[in-house]
Full PDB file with SEQRES, HELIX, SHEET, SSBOND, CRYST1, ORIGX, SCALE, CONECT and MASTER records, all heavy atoms in Angstrom:
SEQRES   1 A   40  SER LYS PHE GLN GLN LYS THR PRO ILE PRO SER TYR LEU          
SEQRES   2 A   40  LEU ALA ILE VAL VAL GLY ALA LEU VAL SER LYS PRO ILE          
SEQRES   3 A   40  GLY PRO ILE SER SER VAL TRP ALA GLU GLN GLU GLN ILE          
SEQRES   4 A   40  ASP                                                          
HELIX    1 AA1 SER A   11  LEU A   13  5                                   3    
HELIX    2 AA2 GLN A   36  GLN A   38  5                                   3    
SHEET    1 AA1 2 VAL A  22  GLY A  27  0                                        
SHEET    2 AA1 2 SER A  30  ALA A  34 -1                                        
CRYST1    1.000    1.000    1.000  90.00  90.00  90.00 P 1           1          
ORIGX1      1.000000  0.000000  0.000000        0.00000                         
ORIGX2      0.000000  1.000000  0.000000        0.00000                         
ORIGX3      0.000000  0.000000  1.000000        0.00000                         
SCALE1      1.000000  0.000000  0.000000        0.00000                         
SCALE2      0.000000  1.000000  0.000000        0.00000                         
SCALE3      0.000000  0.000000  1.000000        0.00000                         
ATOM      1  N   SER A   1     -53.751  92.109 119.990  1.00  0.00           N  
ATOM      2  CA  SER A   1     -52.773  92.384 121.043  1.00  0.00           C  
ATOM      3  C   SER A   1     -53.446  92.272 122.373  1.00  0.00           C  
ATOM      4  O   SER A   1     -54.606  92.660 122.542  1.00  0.00           O  
ATOM      5  CB  SER A   1     -52.199  93.838 120.903  1.00  0.00           C  
ATOM      6  OG  SER A   1     -51.590  93.969 119.633  1.00  0.00           O  
ATOM      7  N   LYS A   2     -52.774  91.644 123.359  1.00  0.00           N  
ATOM      8  CA  LYS A   2     -53.360  91.419 124.687  1.00  0.00           C  
ATOM      9  C   LYS A   2     -52.511  92.129 125.736  1.00  0.00           C  
ATOM     10  O   LYS A   2     -51.269  92.076 125.666  1.00  0.00           O  
ATOM     11  CB  LYS A   2     -53.484  89.927 124.990  1.00  0.00           C  
ATOM     12  CG  LYS A   2     -54.474  89.219 124.041  1.00  0.00           C  
ATOM     13  CD  LYS A   2     -54.714  87.775 124.406  1.00  0.00           C  
ATOM     14  CE  LYS A   2     -55.753  87.155 123.515  1.00  0.00           C  
ATOM     15  NZ  LYS A   2     -56.011  85.726 123.832  1.00  0.00           N  
ATOM     16  N   PHE A   3     -53.184  92.753 126.726  1.00  0.00           N  
ATOM     17  CA  PHE A   3     -52.509  93.551 127.691  1.00  0.00           C  
ATOM     18  C   PHE A   3     -52.984  93.263 129.109  1.00  0.00           C  
ATOM     19  O   PHE A   3     -54.142  92.744 129.313  1.00  0.00           O  
ATOM     20  CB  PHE A   3     -52.800  95.024 127.417  1.00  0.00           C  
ATOM     21  CG  PHE A   3     -52.407  95.503 126.068  1.00  0.00           C  
ATOM     22  CD1 PHE A   3     -53.285  95.389 124.974  1.00  0.00           C  
ATOM     23  CD2 PHE A   3     -51.143  95.976 125.793  1.00  0.00           C  
ATOM     24  CE1 PHE A   3     -52.910  95.808 123.682  1.00  0.00           C  
ATOM     25  CE2 PHE A   3     -50.704  96.384 124.570  1.00  0.00           C  
ATOM     26  CZ  PHE A   3     -51.629  96.294 123.470  1.00  0.00           C  
ATOM     27  N   GLN A   4     -52.118  93.529 130.067  1.00  0.00           N  
ATOM     28  CA  GLN A   4     -52.456  93.384 131.478  1.00  0.00           C  
ATOM     29  C   GLN A   4     -51.885  94.551 132.247  1.00  0.00           C  
ATOM     30  O   GLN A   4     -50.693  94.832 132.169  1.00  0.00           O  
ATOM     31  CB  GLN A   4     -51.967  92.034 132.010  1.00  0.00           C  
ATOM     32  CG  GLN A   4     -52.327  91.771 133.396  1.00  0.00           C  
ATOM     33  CD  GLN A   4     -51.808  90.395 133.903  1.00  0.00           C  
ATOM     34  OE1 GLN A   4     -50.567  90.163 133.942  1.00  0.00           O  
ATOM     35  NE2 GLN A   4     -52.643  89.506 134.313  1.00  0.00           N  
ATOM     36  N   GLN A   5     -52.785  95.141 133.051  1.00  0.00           N  
ATOM     37  CA  GLN A   5     -52.327  96.177 134.006  1.00  0.00           C  
ATOM     38  C   GLN A   5     -52.640  95.658 135.404  1.00  0.00           C  
ATOM     39  O   GLN A   5     -53.815  95.680 135.807  1.00  0.00           O  
ATOM     40  CB  GLN A   5     -53.047  97.496 133.711  1.00  0.00           C  
ATOM     41  CG  GLN A   5     -52.644  98.654 134.659  1.00  0.00           C  
ATOM     42  CD  GLN A   5     -51.171  98.887 134.797  1.00  0.00           C  
ATOM     43  OE1 GLN A   5     -50.498  98.332 135.753  1.00  0.00           O  
ATOM     44  NE2 GLN A   5     -50.564  99.583 133.848  1.00  0.00           N  
ATOM     45  N   LYS A   6     -51.611  95.290 136.150  1.00  0.00           N  
ATOM     46  CA  LYS A   6     -51.782  94.658 137.439  1.00  0.00           C  
ATOM     47  C   LYS A   6     -51.869  95.685 138.582  1.00  0.00           C  
ATOM     48  O   LYS A   6     -52.220  95.246 139.713  1.00  0.00           O  
ATOM     49  CB  LYS A   6     -50.689  93.638 137.672  1.00  0.00           C  
ATOM     50  CG  LYS A   6     -50.674  92.467 136.693  1.00  0.00           C  
ATOM     51  CD  LYS A   6     -49.605  91.454 137.047  1.00  0.00           C  
ATOM     52  CE  LYS A   6     -48.176  92.020 136.747  1.00  0.00           C  
ATOM     53  NZ  LYS A   6     -47.139  90.949 136.971  1.00  0.00           N  
ATOM     54  N   THR A   7     -51.473  96.908 138.341  1.00  0.00           N  
ATOM     55  CA  THR A   7     -51.493  97.929 139.362  1.00  0.00           C  
ATOM     56  C   THR A   7     -52.783  98.746 139.154  1.00  0.00           C  
ATOM     57  O   THR A   7     -53.004  99.210 138.060  1.00  0.00           O  
ATOM     58  CB  THR A   7     -50.253  98.821 139.297  1.00  0.00           C  
ATOM     59  OG1 THR A   7     -49.094  97.988 139.383  1.00  0.00           O  
ATOM     60  CG2 THR A   7     -50.295  99.845 140.375  1.00  0.00           C  
ATOM     61  N   PRO A   8     -53.570  98.996 140.206  1.00  0.00           N  
ATOM     62  CA  PRO A   8     -54.819  99.725 140.040  1.00  0.00           C  
ATOM     63  C   PRO A   8     -54.595 101.174 139.494  1.00  0.00           C  
ATOM     64  O   PRO A   8     -53.670 101.817 139.995  1.00  0.00           O  
ATOM     65  CB  PRO A   8     -55.401  99.743 141.461  1.00  0.00           C  
ATOM     66  CG  PRO A   8     -54.767  98.576 142.187  1.00  0.00           C  
ATOM     67  CD  PRO A   8     -53.370  98.485 141.603  1.00  0.00           C  
ATOM     68  N   ILE A   9     -55.446 101.586 138.624  1.00  0.00           N  
ATOM     69  CA  ILE A   9     -55.350 102.902 138.018  1.00  0.00           C  
ATOM     70  C   ILE A   9     -56.701 103.548 138.031  1.00  0.00           C  
ATOM     71  O   ILE A   9     -57.762 102.885 138.027  1.00  0.00           O  
ATOM     72  CB  ILE A   9     -54.793 102.889 136.536  1.00  0.00           C  
ATOM     73  CG1 ILE A   9     -55.787 102.076 135.646  1.00  0.00           C  
ATOM     74  CG2 ILE A   9     -53.442 102.273 136.514  1.00  0.00           C  
ATOM     75  CD1 ILE A   9     -55.587 102.289 134.189  1.00  0.00           C  
ATOM     76  N   PRO A  10     -56.762 104.911 138.084  1.00  0.00           N  
ATOM     77  CA  PRO A  10     -58.000 105.578 137.817  1.00  0.00           C  
ATOM     78  C   PRO A  10     -58.354 105.529 136.364  1.00  0.00           C  
ATOM     79  O   PRO A  10     -57.482 105.349 135.506  1.00  0.00           O  
ATOM     80  CB  PRO A  10     -57.741 107.018 138.294  1.00  0.00           C  
ATOM     81  CG  PRO A  10     -56.279 107.170 138.080  1.00  0.00           C  
ATOM     82  CD  PRO A  10     -55.658 105.843 138.352  1.00  0.00           C  
ATOM     83  N   SER A  11     -59.601 105.809 136.002  1.00  0.00           N  
ATOM     84  CA  SER A  11     -60.063 105.698 134.622  1.00  0.00           C  
ATOM     85  C   SER A  11     -59.311 106.595 133.632  1.00  0.00           C  
ATOM     86  O   SER A  11     -59.138 106.257 132.507  1.00  0.00           O  
ATOM     87  CB  SER A  11     -61.562 105.957 134.603  1.00  0.00           C  
ATOM     88  OG  SER A  11     -61.863 107.209 135.133  1.00  0.00           O  
ATOM     89  N   TYR A  12     -58.922 107.760 134.129  1.00  0.00           N  
ATOM     90  CA  TYR A  12     -58.244 108.699 133.202  1.00  0.00           C  
ATOM     91  C   TYR A  12     -56.871 108.181 132.706  1.00  0.00           C  
ATOM     92  O   TYR A  12     -56.363 108.805 131.779  1.00  0.00           O  
ATOM     93  CB  TYR A  12     -58.139 110.142 133.811  1.00  0.00           C  
ATOM     94  CG  TYR A  12     -57.073 110.292 134.888  1.00  0.00           C  
ATOM     95  CD1 TYR A  12     -55.747 110.481 134.559  1.00  0.00           C  
ATOM     96  CD2 TYR A  12     -57.442 110.320 136.257  1.00  0.00           C  
ATOM     97  CE1 TYR A  12     -54.829 110.712 135.581  1.00  0.00           C  
ATOM     98  CE2 TYR A  12     -56.520 110.506 137.238  1.00  0.00           C  
ATOM     99  CZ  TYR A  12     -55.192 110.717 136.931  1.00  0.00           C  
ATOM    100  OH  TYR A  12     -54.262 110.908 137.912  1.00  0.00           O  
ATOM    101  N   LEU A  13     -56.353 107.148 133.348  1.00  0.00           N  
ATOM    102  CA  LEU A  13     -55.072 106.611 132.884  1.00  0.00           C  
ATOM    103  C   LEU A  13     -55.209 105.414 131.947  1.00  0.00           C  
ATOM    104  O   LEU A  13     -54.251 104.816 131.581  1.00  0.00           O  
ATOM    105  CB  LEU A  13     -54.243 106.176 134.122  1.00  0.00           C  
ATOM    106  CG  LEU A  13     -53.729 107.317 134.959  1.00  0.00           C  
ATOM    107  CD1 LEU A  13     -52.936 106.796 136.148  1.00  0.00           C  
ATOM    108  CD2 LEU A  13     -52.877 108.328 134.202  1.00  0.00           C  
ATOM    109  N   LEU A  14     -56.432 105.120 131.609  1.00  0.00           N  
ATOM    110  CA  LEU A  14     -56.717 104.136 130.541  1.00  0.00           C  
ATOM    111  C   LEU A  14     -56.283 104.760 129.207  1.00  0.00           C  
ATOM    112  O   LEU A  14     -56.703 105.877 128.881  1.00  0.00           O  
ATOM    113  CB  LEU A  14     -58.144 103.736 130.508  1.00  0.00           C  
ATOM    114  CG  LEU A  14     -58.551 102.656 129.527  1.00  0.00           C  
ATOM    115  CD1 LEU A  14     -57.906 101.312 129.884  1.00  0.00           C  
ATOM    116  CD2 LEU A  14     -60.092 102.491 129.436  1.00  0.00           C  
ATOM    117  N   ALA A  15     -55.451 104.043 128.392  1.00  0.00           N  
ATOM    118  CA  ALA A  15     -54.942 104.695 127.165  1.00  0.00           C  
ATOM    119  C   ALA A  15     -54.830 103.628 126.062  1.00  0.00           C  
ATOM    120  O   ALA A  15     -54.503 102.429 126.350  1.00  0.00           O  
ATOM    121  CB  ALA A  15     -53.593 105.339 127.405  1.00  0.00           C  
ATOM    122  N   ILE A  16     -54.971 104.037 124.852  1.00  0.00           N  
ATOM    123  CA  ILE A  16     -54.863 103.209 123.673  1.00  0.00           C  
ATOM    124  C   ILE A  16     -54.227 104.015 122.545  1.00  0.00           C  
ATOM    125  O   ILE A  16     -54.439 105.181 122.427  1.00  0.00           O  
ATOM    126  CB  ILE A  16     -56.220 102.643 123.236  1.00  0.00           C  
ATOM    127  CG1 ILE A  16     -56.083 101.809 121.940  1.00  0.00           C  
ATOM    128  CG2 ILE A  16     -57.260 103.738 123.081  1.00  0.00           C  
ATOM    129  CD1 ILE A  16     -57.399 101.208 121.477  1.00  0.00           C  
ATOM    130  N   VAL A  17     -53.383 103.307 121.782  1.00  0.00           N  
ATOM    131  CA  VAL A  17     -52.840 103.873 120.562  1.00  0.00           C  
ATOM    132  C   VAL A  17     -52.692 102.750 119.512  1.00  0.00           C  
ATOM    133  O   VAL A  17     -52.331 101.641 119.900  1.00  0.00           O  
ATOM    134  CB  VAL A  17     -51.463 104.619 120.751  1.00  0.00           C  
ATOM    135  CG1 VAL A  17     -50.488 103.635 121.325  1.00  0.00           C  
ATOM    136  CG2 VAL A  17     -50.979 105.274 119.490  1.00  0.00           C  
ATOM    137  N   VAL A  18     -53.039 103.052 118.300  1.00  0.00           N  
ATOM    138  CA  VAL A  18     -52.871 102.065 117.185  1.00  0.00           C  
ATOM    139  C   VAL A  18     -52.382 102.842 116.005  1.00  0.00           C  
ATOM    140  O   VAL A  18     -52.990 103.806 115.542  1.00  0.00           O  
ATOM    141  CB  VAL A  18     -54.304 101.425 116.837  1.00  0.00           C  
ATOM    142  CG1 VAL A  18     -54.092 100.444 115.692  1.00  0.00           C  
ATOM    143  CG2 VAL A  18     -54.860 100.744 118.055  1.00  0.00           C  
ATOM    144  N   GLY A  19     -51.246 102.404 115.527  1.00  0.00           N  
ATOM    145  CA  GLY A  19     -50.648 103.073 114.363  1.00  0.00           C  
ATOM    146  C   GLY A  19     -49.419 102.341 113.890  1.00  0.00           C  
ATOM    147  O   GLY A  19     -49.029 101.265 114.361  1.00  0.00           O  
ATOM    148  N   ALA A  20     -48.767 102.889 112.867  1.00  0.00           N  
ATOM    149  CA  ALA A  20     -47.556 102.296 112.255  1.00  0.00           C  
ATOM    150  C   ALA A  20     -46.377 102.730 113.131  1.00  0.00           C  
ATOM    151  O   ALA A  20     -45.725 103.739 112.881  1.00  0.00           O  
ATOM    152  CB  ALA A  20     -47.410 102.789 110.837  1.00  0.00           C  
ATOM    153  N   LEU A  21     -46.126 101.957 114.207  1.00  0.00           N  
ATOM    154  CA  LEU A  21     -45.197 102.382 115.223  1.00  0.00           C  
ATOM    155  C   LEU A  21     -44.018 101.351 115.271  1.00  0.00           C  
ATOM    156  O   LEU A  21     -44.197 100.162 115.109  1.00  0.00           O  
ATOM    157  CB  LEU A  21     -45.901 102.422 116.575  1.00  0.00           C  
ATOM    158  CG  LEU A  21     -47.019 103.448 116.715  1.00  0.00           C  
ATOM    159  CD1 LEU A  21     -47.850 103.247 118.007  1.00  0.00           C  
ATOM    160  CD2 LEU A  21     -46.440 104.881 116.722  1.00  0.00           C  
ATOM    161  N   VAL A  22     -42.867 101.912 115.580  1.00  0.00           N  
ATOM    162  CA  VAL A  22     -41.704 101.104 115.829  1.00  0.00           C  
ATOM    163  C   VAL A  22     -41.051 101.552 117.118  1.00  0.00           C  
ATOM    164  O   VAL A  22     -41.394 102.607 117.696  1.00  0.00           O  
ATOM    165  CB  VAL A  22     -40.645 101.236 114.681  1.00  0.00           C  
ATOM    166  CG1 VAL A  22     -41.226 100.700 113.389  1.00  0.00           C  
ATOM    167  CG2 VAL A  22     -40.211 102.655 114.504  1.00  0.00           C  
ATOM    168  N   SER A  23     -40.154 100.737 117.679  1.00  0.00           N  
ATOM    169  CA  SER A  23     -39.533 101.058 118.999  1.00  0.00           C  
ATOM    170  C   SER A  23     -38.035 100.954 118.902  1.00  0.00           C  
ATOM    171  O   SER A  23     -37.462 100.276 118.066  1.00  0.00           O  
ATOM    172  CB  SER A  23     -40.138 100.138 120.090  1.00  0.00           C  
ATOM    173  OG  SER A  23     -39.704  98.851 119.885  1.00  0.00           O  
ATOM    174  N   LYS A  24     -37.450 101.650 119.939  1.00  0.00           N  
ATOM    175  CA  LYS A  24     -35.958 101.548 120.100  1.00  0.00           C  
ATOM    176  C   LYS A  24     -35.652 101.628 121.585  1.00  0.00           C  
ATOM    177  O   LYS A  24     -36.129 102.500 122.282  1.00  0.00           O  
ATOM    178  CB  LYS A  24     -35.344 102.687 119.308  1.00  0.00           C  
ATOM    179  CG  LYS A  24     -33.822 102.606 119.181  1.00  0.00           C  
ATOM    180  CD  LYS A  24     -33.282 103.632 118.178  1.00  0.00           C  
ATOM    181  CE  LYS A  24     -31.794 103.446 117.915  1.00  0.00           C  
ATOM    182  NZ  LYS A  24     -31.263 104.395 116.905  1.00  0.00           N  
ATOM    183  N   PRO A  25     -34.779 100.764 122.087  1.00  0.00           N  
ATOM    184  CA  PRO A  25     -34.475 100.779 123.540  1.00  0.00           C  
ATOM    185  C   PRO A  25     -33.732 102.023 123.931  1.00  0.00           C  
ATOM    186  O   PRO A  25     -32.876 102.529 123.172  1.00  0.00           O  
ATOM    187  CB  PRO A  25     -33.559  99.572 123.712  1.00  0.00           C  
ATOM    188  CG  PRO A  25     -33.823  98.699 122.516  1.00  0.00           C  
ATOM    189  CD  PRO A  25     -34.174  99.625 121.397  1.00  0.00           C  
ATOM    190  N   ILE A  26     -34.103 102.586 125.064  1.00  0.00           N  
ATOM    191  CA  ILE A  26     -33.380 103.760 125.617  1.00  0.00           C  
ATOM    192  C   ILE A  26     -33.038 103.589 127.095  1.00  0.00           C  
ATOM    193  O   ILE A  26     -32.595 104.536 127.738  1.00  0.00           O  
ATOM    194  CB  ILE A  26     -34.193 105.064 125.464  1.00  0.00           C  
ATOM    195  CG1 ILE A  26     -35.599 104.899 126.102  1.00  0.00           C  
ATOM    196  CG2 ILE A  26     -34.352 105.462 123.984  1.00  0.00           C  
ATOM    197  CD1 ILE A  26     -36.404 106.217 126.080  1.00  0.00           C  
ATOM    198  N   GLY A  27     -33.174 102.376 127.635  1.00  0.00           N  
ATOM    199  CA  GLY A  27     -32.836 102.088 129.061  1.00  0.00           C  
ATOM    200  C   GLY A  27     -33.218 100.692 129.439  1.00  0.00           C  
ATOM    201  O   GLY A  27     -33.842  99.969 128.664  1.00  0.00           O  
ATOM    202  N   PRO A  28     -32.827 100.291 130.645  1.00  0.00           N  
ATOM    203  CA  PRO A  28     -33.058  98.936 131.088  1.00  0.00           C  
ATOM    204  C   PRO A  28     -34.538  98.501 131.060  1.00  0.00           C  
ATOM    205  O   PRO A  28     -34.878  97.350 130.833  1.00  0.00           O  
ATOM    206  CB  PRO A  28     -32.512  98.919 132.547  1.00  0.00           C  
ATOM    207  CG  PRO A  28     -31.545 100.008 132.565  1.00  0.00           C  
ATOM    208  CD  PRO A  28     -32.057 101.082 131.618  1.00  0.00           C  
ATOM    209  N   ILE A  29     -35.494  99.404 131.381  1.00  0.00           N  
ATOM    210  CA  ILE A  29     -36.860  99.130 131.370  1.00  0.00           C  
ATOM    211  C   ILE A  29     -37.658 100.033 130.455  1.00  0.00           C  
ATOM    212  O   ILE A  29     -38.866 100.101 130.477  1.00  0.00           O  
ATOM    213  CB  ILE A  29     -37.489  99.238 132.784  1.00  0.00           C  
ATOM    214  CG1 ILE A  29     -37.401 100.688 133.319  1.00  0.00           C  
ATOM    215  CG2 ILE A  29     -36.807  98.235 133.754  1.00  0.00           C  
ATOM    216  CD1 ILE A  29     -38.222 100.919 134.631  1.00  0.00           C  
ATOM    217  N   SER A  30     -36.911 100.643 129.510  1.00  0.00           N  
ATOM    218  CA  SER A  30     -37.572 101.692 128.663  1.00  0.00           C  
ATOM    219  C   SER A  30     -37.235 101.528 127.162  1.00  0.00           C  
ATOM    220  O   SER A  30     -36.075 101.206 126.800  1.00  0.00           O  
ATOM    221  CB  SER A  30     -37.126 103.093 129.092  1.00  0.00           C  
ATOM    222  OG  SER A  30     -37.473 103.364 130.410  1.00  0.00           O  
ATOM    223  N   SER A  31     -38.272 101.754 126.358  1.00  0.00           N  
ATOM    224  CA  SER A  31     -38.087 101.964 124.894  1.00  0.00           C  
ATOM    225  C   SER A  31     -38.885 103.227 124.487  1.00  0.00           C  
ATOM    226  O   SER A  31     -39.758 103.613 125.206  1.00  0.00           O  
ATOM    227  CB  SER A  31     -38.624 100.766 124.115  1.00  0.00           C  
ATOM    228  OG  SER A  31     -37.879  99.619 124.337  1.00  0.00           O  
ATOM    229  N   VAL A  32     -38.436 103.800 123.440  1.00  0.00           N  
ATOM    230  CA  VAL A  32     -39.250 104.903 122.857  1.00  0.00           C  
ATOM    231  C   VAL A  32     -39.946 104.334 121.584  1.00  0.00           C  
ATOM    232  O   VAL A  32     -39.355 103.601 120.842  1.00  0.00           O  
ATOM    233  CB  VAL A  32     -38.398 106.090 122.565  1.00  0.00           C  
ATOM    234  CG1 VAL A  32     -37.359 105.806 121.464  1.00  0.00           C  
ATOM    235  CG2 VAL A  32     -39.264 107.305 122.108  1.00  0.00           C  
ATOM    236  N   TRP A  33     -41.228 104.732 121.471  1.00  0.00           N  
ATOM    237  CA  TRP A  33     -42.042 104.356 120.335  1.00  0.00           C  
ATOM    238  C   TRP A  33     -42.336 105.604 119.491  1.00  0.00           C  
ATOM    239  O   TRP A  33     -42.568 106.706 120.039  1.00  0.00           O  
ATOM    240  CB  TRP A  33     -43.358 103.723 120.741  1.00  0.00           C  
ATOM    241  CG  TRP A  33     -43.242 102.376 121.412  1.00  0.00           C  
ATOM    242  CD1 TRP A  33     -42.978 102.154 122.693  1.00  0.00           C  
ATOM    243  CD2 TRP A  33     -43.442 101.160 120.807  1.00  0.00           C  
ATOM    244  NE1 TRP A  33     -42.948 100.816 122.960  1.00  0.00           N  
ATOM    245  CE2 TRP A  33     -43.227 100.127 121.801  1.00  0.00           C  
ATOM    246  CE3 TRP A  33     -43.712 100.723 119.483  1.00  0.00           C  
ATOM    247  CZ2 TRP A  33     -43.332  98.771 121.555  1.00  0.00           C  
ATOM    248  CZ3 TRP A  33     -43.824  99.370 119.228  1.00  0.00           C  
ATOM    249  CH2 TRP A  33     -43.623  98.399 120.265  1.00  0.00           C  
ATOM    250  N   ALA A  34     -42.329 105.456 118.165  1.00  0.00           N  
ATOM    251  CA  ALA A  34     -42.666 106.540 117.253  1.00  0.00           C  
ATOM    252  C   ALA A  34     -42.920 105.975 115.889  1.00  0.00           C  
ATOM    253  O   ALA A  34     -42.679 104.795 115.641  1.00  0.00           O  
ATOM    254  CB  ALA A  34     -41.543 107.590 117.273  1.00  0.00           C  
ATOM    255  N   GLU A  35     -43.349 106.833 114.957  1.00  0.00           N  
ATOM    256  CA  GLU A  35     -43.311 106.430 113.548  1.00  0.00           C  
ATOM    257  C   GLU A  35     -41.865 106.297 113.119  1.00  0.00           C  
ATOM    258  O   GLU A  35     -40.963 106.965 113.695  1.00  0.00           O  
ATOM    259  CB  GLU A  35     -44.124 107.403 112.727  1.00  0.00           C  
ATOM    260  CG  GLU A  35     -45.618 107.379 113.027  1.00  0.00           C  
ATOM    261  CD  GLU A  35     -46.352 108.273 112.049  1.00  0.00           C  
ATOM    262  OE1 GLU A  35     -46.420 107.953 110.881  1.00  0.00           O  
ATOM    263  OE2 GLU A  35     -46.932 109.282 112.505  1.00  0.00           O  
ATOM    264  N   GLN A  36     -41.602 105.513 112.121  1.00  0.00           N  
ATOM    265  CA  GLN A  36     -40.257 105.210 111.690  1.00  0.00           C  
ATOM    266  C   GLN A  36     -39.472 106.485 111.384  1.00  0.00           C  
ATOM    267  O   GLN A  36     -38.282 106.604 111.715  1.00  0.00           O  
ATOM    268  CB  GLN A  36     -40.313 104.372 110.397  1.00  0.00           C  
ATOM    269  CG  GLN A  36     -38.899 103.960 109.890  1.00  0.00           C  
ATOM    270  CD  GLN A  36     -38.167 103.022 110.833  1.00  0.00           C  
ATOM    271  OE1 GLN A  36     -38.658 101.946 111.123  1.00  0.00           O  
ATOM    272  NE2 GLN A  36     -36.992 103.458 111.314  1.00  0.00           N  
ATOM    273  N   GLU A  37     -40.124 107.503 110.829  1.00  0.00           N  
ATOM    274  CA  GLU A  37     -39.437 108.696 110.436  1.00  0.00           C  
ATOM    275  C   GLU A  37     -38.921 109.500 111.580  1.00  0.00           C  
ATOM    276  O   GLU A  37     -38.047 110.341 111.433  1.00  0.00           O  
ATOM    277  CB  GLU A  37     -40.424 109.591 109.636  1.00  0.00           C  
ATOM    278  CG  GLU A  37     -40.862 109.019 108.286  1.00  0.00           C  
ATOM    279  CD  GLU A  37     -41.893 107.912 108.392  1.00  0.00           C  
ATOM    280  OE1 GLU A  37     -42.407 107.682 109.511  1.00  0.00           O  
ATOM    281  OE2 GLU A  37     -42.187 107.315 107.368  1.00  0.00           O  
ATOM    282  N   GLN A  38     -39.386 109.234 112.846  1.00  0.00           N  
ATOM    283  CA  GLN A  38     -38.938 109.988 113.999  1.00  0.00           C  
ATOM    284  C   GLN A  38     -38.185 109.185 115.018  1.00  0.00           C  
ATOM    285  O   GLN A  38     -37.680 109.722 115.981  1.00  0.00           O  
ATOM    286  CB  GLN A  38     -40.174 110.612 114.703  1.00  0.00           C  
ATOM    287  CG  GLN A  38     -40.850 111.753 113.964  1.00  0.00           C  
ATOM    288  CD  GLN A  38     -41.882 112.428 114.809  1.00  0.00           C  
ATOM    289  OE1 GLN A  38     -42.812 111.706 115.275  1.00  0.00           O  
ATOM    290  NE2 GLN A  38     -41.832 113.708 115.053  1.00  0.00           N  
ATOM    291  N   ILE A  39     -38.057 107.905 114.808  1.00  0.00           N  
ATOM    292  CA  ILE A  39     -37.589 107.005 115.935  1.00  0.00           C  
ATOM    293  C   ILE A  39     -36.149 107.353 116.341  1.00  0.00           C  
ATOM    294  O   ILE A  39     -35.881 107.390 117.561  1.00  0.00           O  
ATOM    295  CB  ILE A  39     -37.737 105.557 115.515  1.00  0.00           C  
ATOM    296  CG1 ILE A  39     -37.490 104.670 116.799  1.00  0.00           C  
ATOM    297  CG2 ILE A  39     -36.865 105.126 114.381  1.00  0.00           C  
ATOM    298  CD1 ILE A  39     -38.534 104.853 117.878  1.00  0.00           C  
ATOM    299  N   ASP A  40     -35.235 107.591 115.379  1.00  0.00           N  
ATOM    300  CA  ASP A  40     -33.826 107.829 115.799  1.00  0.00           C  
ATOM    301  C   ASP A  40     -33.715 109.184 116.528  1.00  0.00           C  
ATOM    302  O   ASP A  40     -33.037 109.281 117.544  1.00  0.00           O  
ATOM    303  CB  ASP A  40     -32.935 107.821 114.570  1.00  0.00           C  
ATOM    304  CG  ASP A  40     -32.789 106.401 113.983  1.00  0.00           C  
ATOM    305  OD1 ASP A  40     -33.000 105.423 114.775  1.00  0.00           O  
ATOM    306  OD2 ASP A  40     -32.515 106.283 112.795  1.00  0.00           O  
TER     307      ASP A  40                                                      
MASTER        0    0    0    2    2    0    0    6  306    1    0    4          
END                                                                             
């Protein structure tokens, strides 16, 4: 997976997650991610 953060951030806002995740849209620019059992 490849990522780009174009807006400058402090180091404490660097974040990573790797897991069995799925997503569901909740708004024009938003989705929620969770494991399948919690997504709905």
